[in-house]
Amino acid sequence: MKAIVFEKYGPPEVLKIMDIEKPIPKDNEILIKVIASTVSTGDWRMRKPDPMLARLVNGLLKPKKIKILGFELAGIVEAVGKGVARFNKGDEVFAFTGFKFGAYAEFICMSEVTAPKNGMVELKPKNMTFEKAAALPGGGLTALVFARTAQIKSGQKVLIHGASGNVGSYALQIAKHIGAQVTGVTSTTNLEMIKSLGADFVIDYKKHDFTQSGEKYNIVFDAVGKLSPSKAKKALSSDGHFFSVMKSGEIKLGDLLHLKELVEEGVVQPFIDRIYRMEQIIEAHRYAELGHKRANIVIKIAE
């Protein structure tokens, strides 16, 4: 099978399409034919590596543990191992592979047993394409964790810094579903995008500093990890709280299923900036690394 492999750290050009052995599902595993994956911040940071701490996880001088990136996908069950009860051959699924990565390949084996750190698989939302379903797990799960940790309530005023990003776009929709009044902070080119996702108010950070407006919020969520607590505090009400994607809580069992249900109810919809073919992986990583992408970049692995 073909897979996108990196055997040394560095720029997007280290990514190579190679022929590797097709995996065989073990007991309680399913073999998934990958239709689509994505380019997340975690992918290009692991490739560089940035931060350098990634070397401690994946090899000091070169990648050893993780050589195939991609930790979200959508595809079709190709085969099932002994003991598998939740899935059948032909099922359309979407998945979060956790810190094992591995979705940049034509096939991947995953355990049917849900385990947040080692991967989670569910049937794909019925009302969604493979491309859109692949863009759900990473940002959607992180946004769910934020909403649960922040204990958002109807009527609260919530500001999302980086609302046009992967996590921010989902957090905006989930907060609106709960009943919060949501203000999205983004750049000029993305104002209409976050309005379309349901933001009550939008702020162009290139023109206005939300901490100087005098407006106070119950919750300020930094969805891109670039806002300091001291700055956020200036926009918080006396009982307000600041949350950052850099210190998010833990994904729980059932979260991926909950995300699927929100999609099928029409609450959450992924926004896709660009779709690239597998052969365009270098171009896709180069674009993602610029830091200007809107929500999700999808990689089409197969038809």
Protein backbone atom coordinates (compact mmCIF):
# COMPACT_ATOMS: atom_id res chain seq x y z
CA MET A 1 0.00 0.00 0.00
CA LYS A 2 1.01 3.64 -0.36
CA ALA A 3 1.69 5.84 2.65
CA ILE A 4 3.15 9.28 3.27
CA VAL A 5 6.30 8.68 5.30
CA PHE A 6 8.90 10.96 6.87
CA GLU A 7 12.25 9.46 7.84
CA LYS A 8 13.92 12.67 8.99
CA TYR A 9 12.79 15.91 10.59
CA GLY A 10 12.53 19.05 8.52
CA PRO A 11 10.46 21.06 6.03
CA PRO A 12 7.45 19.67 4.10
CA GLU A 13 9.82 18.17 1.52
CA VAL A 14 10.79 15.40 3.97
CA LEU A 15 7.36 13.85 3.34
CA LYS A 16 7.60 11.05 0.75
CA ILE A 17 5.00 8.71 -0.75
CA MET A 18 6.30 5.17 -0.33
CA ASP A 19 5.10 1.59 -0.76
CA ILE A 20 4.92 -0.19 2.58
CA GLU A 21 3.39 -3.43 3.82
CA LYS A 22 -0.38 -3.42 4.21
CA PRO A 23 -1.34 -4.06 7.86
CA ILE A 24 -3.35 -7.10 8.96
CA PRO A 25 -5.95 -6.64 11.72
CA LYS A 26 -5.24 -8.43 14.98
CA ASP A 27 -7.88 -9.68 17.40
CA ASN A 28 -10.39 -6.91 18.19
CA GLU A 29 -8.99 -4.70 15.42
CA ILE A 30 -10.52 -3.41 12.21
CA LEU A 31 -8.69 -2.63 8.97
CA ILE A 32 -9.84 0.71 7.57
CA LYS A 33 -9.43 1.81 3.96
CA VAL A 34 -8.67 5.51 4.45
CA ILE A 35 -10.60 7.83 2.16
CA ALA A 36 -9.56 11.15 3.71
CA SER A 37 -7.34 12.61 6.42
CA THR A 38 -6.27 16.13 7.36
CA VAL A 39 -3.29 18.38 7.99
CA SER A 40 -3.49 19.53 11.59
CA THR A 41 -1.13 21.72 13.59
CA GLY A 42 -0.02 18.57 15.40
CA ASP A 43 1.05 16.99 12.12
CA TRP A 44 3.38 19.72 10.91
CA ARG A 45 4.75 20.37 14.39
CA MET A 46 5.68 16.71 14.75
CA ARG A 47 7.31 16.78 11.31
CA LYS A 48 9.56 19.83 12.02
CA PRO A 49 9.73 19.13 15.07
CA ASP A 50 8.30 22.15 16.92
CA PRO A 51 8.50 22.22 19.87
CA MET A 52 11.79 20.38 20.26
CA LEU A 53 10.12 18.30 22.96
CA ALA A 54 8.68 16.23 20.11
CA ARG A 55 12.14 14.72 19.67
CA LEU A 56 11.89 13.18 23.14
CA VAL A 57 8.69 11.46 22.05
CA ASN A 58 9.64 10.44 18.55
CA GLY A 59 13.42 10.13 18.47
CA LEU A 60 16.20 12.58 19.23
CA LEU A 61 17.93 12.62 15.83
CA LYS A 62 15.27 11.20 13.52
CA PRO A 63 11.69 9.89 13.68
CA LYS A 64 11.57 6.41 15.21
CA LYS A 65 8.17 5.81 16.79
CA ILE A 66 5.98 7.85 14.42
CA LYS A 67 6.87 7.88 10.71
CA ILE A 68 3.35 8.25 9.29
CA LEU A 69 1.46 11.38 10.34
CA GLY A 70 -2.28 12.10 10.40
CA PHE A 71 -4.45 11.58 13.45
CA GLU A 72 -7.95 11.97 12.07
CA LEU A 73 -9.58 10.09 9.22
CA ALA A 74 -12.70 8.80 7.55
CA GLY A 75 -12.91 5.59 5.58
CA ILE A 76 -14.48 2.17 5.04
CA VAL A 77 -13.96 -1.01 7.07
CA GLU A 78 -12.02 -3.35 4.78
CA ALA A 79 -11.72 -6.32 7.17
CA VAL A 80 -12.33 -7.23 10.81
CA GLY A 81 -10.20 -9.23 13.19
CA LYS A 82 -11.33 -12.02 15.49
CA GLY A 83 -13.68 -10.89 18.24
CA VAL A 84 -14.80 -7.64 16.61
CA ALA A 85 -18.46 -6.97 17.46
CA ARG A 86 -19.08 -3.26 16.83
CA PHE A 87 -18.18 -3.09 13.14
CA ASN A 88 -18.67 -5.06 9.95
CA LYS A 89 -16.90 -5.05 6.60
CA GLY A 90 -18.24 -2.18 4.52
CA ASP A 91 -19.12 0.10 7.45
CA GLU A 92 -18.33 3.77 6.87
CA VAL A 93 -16.39 5.10 9.87
CA PHE A 94 -14.47 8.11 11.12
CA ALA A 95 -11.71 8.03 13.68
CA PHE A 96 -9.23 9.81 15.90
CA THR A 97 -5.98 7.85 16.04
CA GLY A 98 -4.64 9.60 19.12
CA PHE A 99 -0.92 10.09 19.50
CA LYS A 100 -0.19 7.04 17.37
CA PHE A 101 -0.95 9.09 14.23
CA GLY A 102 -0.85 6.86 11.10
CA ALA A 103 -3.75 8.20 9.00
CA TYR A 104 -1.57 9.26 6.02
CA ALA A 105 -1.84 5.79 4.51
CA GLU A 106 -4.19 3.84 2.29
CA PHE A 107 -4.95 1.45 5.16
CA ILE A 108 -4.75 1.56 8.94
CA CYS A 109 -5.60 -0.91 11.71
CA MET A 110 -7.40 0.38 14.78
CA SER A 111 -8.83 -1.28 17.86
CA GLU A 112 -12.62 -1.32 18.01
CA VAL A 113 -12.28 -0.69 21.76
CA THR A 114 -12.59 3.04 22.42
CA ALA A 115 -9.56 4.45 24.23
CA PRO A 116 -9.02 8.24 24.02
CA LYS A 117 -5.22 8.09 24.12
CA ASN A 118 -4.88 5.19 21.68
CA GLY A 119 -7.67 5.94 19.23
CA MET A 120 -11.43 6.16 18.90
CA VAL A 121 -13.61 4.89 16.05
CA GLU A 122 -17.31 5.41 15.37
CA LEU A 123 -19.68 5.02 12.44
CA LYS A 124 -19.46 8.04 10.18
CA PRO A 125 -22.28 10.62 10.49
CA LYS A 126 -24.93 9.68 7.94
CA ASN A 127 -25.33 13.24 6.67
CA MET A 128 -21.66 13.88 5.92
CA THR A 129 -19.10 13.19 3.20
CA PHE A 130 -15.85 11.36 3.98
CA GLU A 131 -13.93 14.61 3.50
CA LYS A 132 -15.99 16.47 6.08
CA ALA A 133 -16.10 13.53 8.49
CA ALA A 134 -12.29 13.32 8.43
CA ALA A 135 -12.14 16.94 9.59
CA LEU A 136 -14.29 16.33 12.67
CA PRO A 137 -12.36 14.43 15.37
CA GLY A 138 -9.34 16.58 16.28
CA GLY A 139 -10.88 20.03 16.55
CA GLY A 140 -14.35 18.77 17.42
CA LEU A 141 -13.19 16.67 20.37
CA THR A 142 -11.01 19.49 21.73
CA ALA A 143 -13.96 21.90 21.49
CA LEU A 144 -16.20 19.43 23.34
CA VAL A 145 -13.63 19.17 26.13
CA PHE A 146 -13.47 22.98 26.37
CA ALA A 147 -17.26 23.31 26.58
CA ARG A 148 -17.42 20.66 29.31
CA THR A 149 -14.51 22.13 31.31
CA ALA A 150 -15.83 25.69 31.02
CA GLN A 151 -19.35 24.56 31.96
CA ILE A 152 -20.85 26.99 29.47
CA LYS A 153 -24.41 28.01 30.30
CA SER A 154 -27.17 29.55 28.27
CA GLY A 155 -27.05 33.34 28.33
CA GLN A 156 -23.37 33.61 29.15
CA LYS A 157 -21.13 35.87 27.09
CA VAL A 158 -18.34 33.82 25.51
CA LEU A 159 -15.42 35.21 23.50
CA ILE A 160 -13.44 32.84 21.28
CA HIS A 161 -10.00 34.04 20.25
CA GLY A 162 -9.08 32.32 16.99
CA ALA A 163 -12.66 31.49 16.05
CA SER A 164 -11.82 30.67 12.43
CA GLY A 165 -9.33 27.95 13.34
CA ASN A 166 -9.95 24.22 13.61
CA VAL A 167 -10.78 24.18 17.34
CA GLY A 168 -12.28 27.66 17.43
CA SER A 169 -14.80 27.02 14.66
CA TYR A 170 -16.20 24.00 16.53
CA ALA A 171 -16.13 25.76 19.91
CA LEU A 172 -18.15 28.61 18.43
CA GLN A 173 -20.87 26.26 17.15
CA ILE A 174 -21.06 24.23 20.36
CA ALA A 175 -21.26 27.36 22.55
CA LYS A 176 -24.06 28.71 20.35
CA HIS A 177 -25.92 25.40 20.64
CA ILE A 178 -25.76 25.63 24.43
CA GLY A 179 -27.28 29.10 24.23
CA ALA A 180 -24.33 31.40 24.86
CA GLN A 181 -23.86 34.79 23.23
CA VAL A 182 -20.69 34.25 21.23
CA THR A 183 -18.14 36.79 20.05
CA GLY A 184 -15.55 35.54 17.59
CA VAL A 185 -12.14 37.13 17.17
CA THR A 186 -10.41 36.59 13.84
CA SER A 187 -8.70 38.35 10.93
CA THR A 188 -10.41 40.53 8.32
CA THR A 189 -10.63 37.80 5.69
CA ASN A 190 -12.43 35.38 8.03
CA LEU A 191 -15.15 37.63 9.47
CA GLU A 192 -17.87 36.38 7.11
CA MET A 193 -16.84 32.79 7.73
CA ILE A 194 -17.43 32.93 11.46
CA LYS A 195 -20.65 34.88 10.98
CA SER A 196 -21.85 31.99 8.82
CA LEU A 197 -21.04 29.59 11.68
CA GLY A 198 -23.32 31.53 14.01
CA ALA A 199 -21.21 34.14 15.81
CA ASP A 200 -23.36 36.89 17.35
CA PHE A 201 -20.54 39.42 17.15
CA VAL A 202 -17.20 39.46 15.34
CA ILE A 203 -13.99 41.35 16.08
CA ASP A 204 -11.20 41.92 13.59
CA TYR A 205 -8.07 41.62 15.72
CA LYS A 206 -6.08 43.53 13.11
CA LYS A 207 -8.23 46.60 13.69
CA HIS A 208 -9.51 46.29 17.26
CA ASP A 209 -8.13 45.03 20.58
CA PHE A 210 -11.00 43.26 22.34
CA THR A 211 -9.38 43.86 25.73
CA GLN A 212 -9.73 47.62 25.23
CA SER A 213 -13.40 47.68 24.20
CA GLY A 214 -14.79 47.76 27.76
CA GLU A 215 -16.90 44.66 27.03
CA LYS A 216 -16.73 41.95 29.71
CA TYR A 217 -17.17 38.24 29.14
CA ASN A 218 -18.03 35.28 31.37
CA ILE A 219 -15.65 33.08 29.41
CA VAL A 220 -12.66 33.86 27.19
CA PHE A 221 -11.34 30.88 25.25
CA ASP A 222 -8.01 31.07 23.42
CA ALA A 223 -8.44 28.48 20.67
CA VAL A 224 -4.99 29.03 19.15
CA GLY A 225 -2.71 29.25 22.18
CA LYS A 226 -1.47 32.79 21.59
CA LEU A 227 -3.28 34.77 24.29
CA SER A 228 -1.74 35.39 27.71
CA PRO A 229 -3.88 34.97 30.84
CA SER A 230 -3.00 38.52 31.94
CA LYS A 231 -4.32 39.99 28.70
CA ALA A 232 -7.46 37.86 28.72
CA LYS A 233 -8.19 38.95 32.29
CA LYS A 234 -8.79 42.50 31.06
CA ALA A 235 -11.89 41.30 29.20
CA LEU A 236 -13.29 39.05 31.92
CA SER A 237 -16.20 39.85 34.21
CA SER A 238 -15.56 39.69 37.96
CA ASP A 239 -16.57 36.02 38.01
CA GLY A 240 -15.22 35.23 34.54
CA HIS A 241 -12.79 32.48 33.57
CA PHE A 242 -10.05 32.11 30.97
CA PHE A 243 -9.42 28.84 29.12
CA SER A 244 -6.70 27.95 26.64
CA VAL A 245 -6.37 25.18 24.09
CA MET A 246 -2.84 24.74 25.50
CA LYS A 247 -4.29 23.49 28.79
CA SER A 248 -7.37 21.62 27.64
CA GLY A 249 -8.92 18.80 29.65
CA GLU A 250 -9.09 15.12 28.78
CA ILE A 251 -11.13 13.46 26.07
CA LYS A 252 -13.58 10.99 27.58
CA LEU A 253 -15.17 7.75 26.43
CA GLY A 254 -18.23 8.55 24.37
CA ASP A 255 -17.02 11.96 23.20
CA LEU A 256 -16.59 10.89 19.56
CA LEU A 257 -20.09 9.38 19.57
CA HIS A 258 -21.44 12.61 21.09
CA LEU A 259 -19.73 14.58 18.33
CA LYS A 260 -21.34 12.32 15.72
CA GLU A 261 -24.75 12.95 17.27
CA LEU A 262 -24.24 16.72 17.22
CA VAL A 263 -23.41 16.52 13.52
CA GLU A 264 -26.46 14.42 12.71
CA GLU A 265 -28.62 16.87 14.66
CA GLY A 266 -27.29 19.72 12.55
CA VAL A 267 -25.55 21.42 15.48
CA VAL A 268 -21.97 21.12 14.21
CA GLN A 269 -20.62 21.43 10.68
CA PRO A 270 -16.93 21.35 9.73
CA PHE A 271 -15.55 24.15 7.59
CA ILE A 272 -13.04 23.02 4.96
CA ASP A 273 -10.55 25.53 3.65
CA ARG A 274 -8.83 23.38 1.02
CA ILE A 275 -8.75 19.78 -0.21
CA TYR A 276 -5.50 18.31 -1.52
CA ARG A 277 -4.72 14.98 -3.15
CA MET A 278 -2.26 12.60 -1.53
CA GLU A 279 0.36 13.61 -4.11
CA GLN A 280 0.03 17.24 -2.99
CA ILE A 281 0.98 16.57 0.63
CA ILE A 282 4.05 18.83 0.51
CA GLU A 283 1.98 21.75 -0.78
CA ALA A 284 -0.70 21.04 1.86
CA HIS A 285 1.82 21.05 4.74
CA ARG A 286 3.47 24.17 3.39
CA TYR A 287 0.12 26.00 3.36
CA ALA A 288 -0.85 24.76 6.84
CA GLU A 289 2.45 25.91 8.30
CA LEU A 290 1.85 29.49 7.15
CA GLY A 291 -0.72 29.78 9.95
CA HIS A 292 -3.43 31.34 7.79
CA LYS A 293 -5.64 28.32 7.16
CA ARG A 294 -9.32 28.50 7.94
CA ALA A 295 -10.49 25.59 10.10
CA ASN A 296 -9.55 22.42 8.18
CA ILE A 297 -7.27 21.19 5.40
CA VAL A 298 -8.27 17.80 4.03
CA ILE A 299 -6.05 15.23 2.31
CA LYS A 300 -7.86 12.95 -0.14
CA ILE A 301 -6.20 9.56 0.22
CA ALA A 302 -8.58 7.55 -2.01
CA GLU A 303 -11.80 7.90 -4.02
